[in-house]
């Protein structure tokens, strides 16, 4: 198992008695990440890493219900509530131009088109139609930045820099 792991979801609860887990997906590719046969890693809050393989999955109320081959009942998987689900770097898919992984966006500096430094992206929310980037400034309140073409002008993951145009009412 490689040391470079990337978060694809958080285990929030069990589902039923046959070993299914409720996952809040933190990936743009839940159908790929949780497809049958996918190799994932459970990372527990105390740092343990448990390799698992998806036996089946389905979408249910904005969550993914996943059954891993390693767990057959609720007693075997209940202890993993609150753990993160991760994927090894070797399983990352190639992306099209202008597509990015969450880990490439988090940590990027956000700058307006007139050069104003707004802060750093600390989190990505997926509330509905589009993602929202949480920007933490050096001082002050967080800014919620909708990821739409009118706002996000350019993303340079190599330079860890995002160029934006602030719409009226965002600040």
Protein backbone atom coordinates (compact mmCIF):
# COMPACT_ATOMS: atom_id res chain seq x y z
CA UNK A 1 0.00 0.00 0.00
CA UNK A 2 1.38 3.40 -0.97
CA UNK A 3 1.72 6.30 1.46
CA UNK A 4 -0.13 8.69 -0.91
CA UNK A 5 -3.83 8.25 -0.17
CA UNK A 6 -6.66 10.53 -1.26
CA UNK A 7 -10.01 10.90 0.48
CA UNK A 8 -13.06 9.70 -1.45
CA UNK A 9 -15.59 9.61 1.38
CA UNK A 10 -16.39 9.46 5.07
CA UNK A 11 -18.06 6.53 6.80
CA UNK A 12 -20.91 8.04 8.79
CA UNK A 13 -22.97 5.01 9.84
CA UNK A 14 -23.95 1.42 9.21
CA UNK A 15 -26.97 0.40 7.15
CA UNK A 16 -28.90 -2.74 8.02
CA UNK A 17 -27.36 -5.80 9.65
CA UNK A 18 -25.48 -7.34 6.70
CA UNK A 19 -22.37 -5.14 6.85
CA UNK A 20 -23.30 -2.19 4.63
CA UNK A 21 -21.86 1.23 5.44
CA UNK A 22 -23.25 4.71 4.74
CA UNK A 23 -20.65 6.84 3.01
CA UNK A 24 -20.77 10.60 2.44
CA UNK A 25 -18.92 10.82 -0.88
CA UNK A 26 -16.10 13.37 -1.19
CA UNK A 27 -15.36 12.69 -4.82
CA UNK A 28 -16.75 13.81 -8.16
CA UNK A 29 -16.61 10.17 -9.31
CA UNK A 30 -18.70 8.10 -6.85
CA UNK A 31 -19.76 5.68 -9.60
CA UNK A 32 -16.07 4.95 -10.34
CA UNK A 33 -14.75 4.98 -6.76
CA UNK A 34 -17.44 2.70 -5.37
CA UNK A 35 -17.90 0.33 -8.30
CA UNK A 36 -17.69 -3.41 -7.68
CA UNK A 37 -14.08 -4.52 -7.29
CA UNK A 38 -12.68 -1.08 -6.37
CA UNK A 39 -9.76 -1.20 -3.97
CA UNK A 40 -10.07 1.34 -1.14
CA UNK A 41 -8.47 1.93 2.25
CA UNK A 42 -10.28 2.68 5.50
CA UNK A 43 -8.23 5.12 7.57
CA UNK A 44 -9.38 5.11 11.19
CA UNK A 45 -9.16 8.18 13.47
CA UNK A 46 -6.21 6.55 15.27
CA UNK A 47 -4.29 6.18 11.97
CA UNK A 48 -4.78 2.49 11.19
CA UNK A 49 -5.22 1.60 7.52
CA UNK A 50 -7.42 -1.32 6.49
CA UNK A 51 -7.49 -2.31 2.79
CA UNK A 52 -11.00 -3.19 1.56
CA UNK A 53 -12.66 -4.17 -1.71
CA UNK A 54 -16.13 -3.06 -2.82
CA UNK A 55 -18.55 -5.96 -3.21
CA UNK A 56 -21.56 -3.77 -4.09
CA UNK A 57 -22.77 -0.19 -3.81
CA UNK A 58 -25.77 1.99 -4.51
CA UNK A 59 -26.78 5.63 -4.13
CA UNK A 60 -29.32 6.35 -1.37
CA UNK A 61 -30.39 9.86 -0.26
CA UNK A 62 -27.17 11.65 -1.35
CA UNK A 63 -25.06 8.93 0.26
CA UNK A 64 -23.49 5.79 -1.05
CA UNK A 65 -24.33 2.49 0.63
CA UNK A 66 -21.31 0.22 0.27
CA UNK A 67 -20.82 -3.44 1.11
CA UNK A 68 -17.18 -4.49 1.37
CA UNK A 69 -16.09 -8.09 0.82
CA UNK A 70 -14.31 -8.05 4.19
CA UNK A 71 -17.47 -7.41 6.27
CA UNK A 72 -20.49 -9.70 6.51
CA UNK A 73 -22.45 -8.20 9.39
CA UNK A 74 -22.96 -5.01 11.36
CA UNK A 75 -20.65 -6.14 14.18
CA UNK A 76 -17.63 -6.33 11.84
CA UNK A 77 -18.03 -2.85 10.37
CA UNK A 78 -19.63 -0.76 13.12
CA UNK A 79 -16.25 0.16 14.61
CA UNK A 80 -15.32 2.06 11.42
CA UNK A 81 -17.97 4.78 11.82
CA UNK A 82 -16.21 8.15 11.63
CA UNK A 83 -13.33 6.75 9.56
CA UNK A 84 -12.27 8.13 6.18
CA UNK A 85 -12.32 6.13 2.96
CA UNK A 86 -9.30 6.68 0.77
CA UNK A 87 -7.92 5.57 -2.57
CA UNK A 88 -4.30 4.93 -3.46
CA UNK A 89 -2.66 7.27 -5.95
CA UNK A 90 -2.21 4.47 -8.50
CA UNK A 91 -6.02 4.18 -8.83
CA UNK A 92 -6.59 7.84 -9.72
CA UNK A 93 -8.10 8.24 -13.19
CA UNK A 94 -6.74 10.63 -15.80
CA UNK A 95 -8.83 13.80 -15.94
CA UNK A 96 -9.82 15.97 -18.87
CA UNK A 97 -8.42 19.47 -19.20
CA UNK A 98 -10.13 21.87 -16.75
CA UNK A 99 -11.00 19.01 -14.36
CA UNK A 100 -9.31 18.68 -10.98
CA UNK A 101 -9.17 16.38 -8.00
CA UNK A 102 -10.22 17.79 -4.63
CA UNK A 103 -6.69 17.36 -3.28
CA UNK A 104 -5.36 19.56 -6.11
CA UNK A 105 -7.78 22.40 -5.24
CA UNK A 106 -7.46 22.38 -1.45
CA UNK A 107 -4.57 24.62 -0.46
CA UNK A 108 -4.76 26.84 -3.56
CA UNK A 109 -4.46 30.60 -3.04
CA UNK A 110 -7.47 32.55 -4.30
CA UNK A 111 -6.79 35.87 -6.05
CA UNK A 112 -9.24 38.28 -7.68
CA UNK A 113 -8.67 39.54 -11.22
CA UNK A 114 -7.51 42.89 -9.77
CA UNK A 115 -4.86 41.15 -7.61
CA UNK A 116 -6.60 41.07 -4.22
CA UNK A 117 -5.54 38.06 -2.13
CA UNK A 118 -8.69 36.44 -0.70
CA UNK A 119 -7.19 33.47 1.15
CA UNK A 120 -6.71 29.74 0.75
CA UNK A 121 -9.21 27.03 -0.20
CA UNK A 122 -9.66 24.80 2.85
CA UNK A 123 -12.69 22.70 1.98
CA UNK A 124 -14.98 21.72 -0.88
CA UNK A 125 -18.72 21.49 -0.32
CA UNK A 126 -21.17 19.79 -2.70
CA UNK A 127 -24.57 21.17 -1.72
CA UNK A 128 -26.33 20.80 -5.06
CA UNK A 129 -25.98 22.11 -8.60
CA UNK A 130 -22.33 23.13 -8.24
CA UNK A 131 -19.49 22.77 -5.77
CA UNK A 132 -18.67 25.54 -3.31
CA UNK A 133 -15.08 26.26 -2.28
CA UNK A 134 -14.54 27.44 1.29
CA UNK A 135 -11.88 30.17 1.26
CA UNK A 136 -10.17 30.98 4.57
CA UNK A 137 -8.64 34.47 4.66
CA UNK A 138 -5.69 35.41 6.90
CA UNK A 139 -8.08 37.56 8.95
CA UNK A 140 -11.87 37.57 9.00
CA UNK A 141 -14.74 35.35 7.97
CA UNK A 142 -14.62 32.47 5.52
CA UNK A 143 -15.83 33.13 1.99
CA UNK A 144 -18.06 30.64 0.19
CA UNK A 145 -17.11 30.68 -3.48
CA UNK A 146 -19.49 29.02 -5.98
CA UNK A 147 -17.64 27.03 -8.62
CA UNK A 148 -19.25 28.50 -11.72
CA UNK A 149 -17.75 29.93 -14.92
CA UNK A 150 -18.72 33.52 -14.03
CA UNK A 151 -16.74 33.33 -10.77
CA UNK A 152 -13.82 30.92 -11.33
CA UNK A 153 -11.79 32.32 -14.21
CA UNK A 154 -8.64 30.19 -14.07
CA UNK A 155 -7.25 27.32 -12.01
CA UNK A 156 -3.51 26.69 -12.02
CA UNK A 157 -2.89 23.57 -9.92
CA UNK A 158 0.85 23.63 -10.65
CA UNK A 159 1.12 27.12 -9.10
CA UNK A 160 -1.62 26.37 -6.51
CA UNK A 161 -3.46 29.52 -7.59
CA UNK A 162 -7.10 30.24 -8.51
CA UNK A 163 -8.13 33.45 -10.29
CA UNK A 164 -11.69 34.61 -9.55
CA UNK A 165 -14.15 37.38 -10.35
CA UNK A 166 -16.24 38.31 -7.33
CA UNK A 167 -19.93 38.71 -8.07
CA UNK A 168 -21.87 41.35 -6.21
CA UNK A 169 -22.90 40.08 -2.77
CA UNK A 170 -20.22 37.39 -2.37
CA UNK A 171 -18.10 39.36 0.09
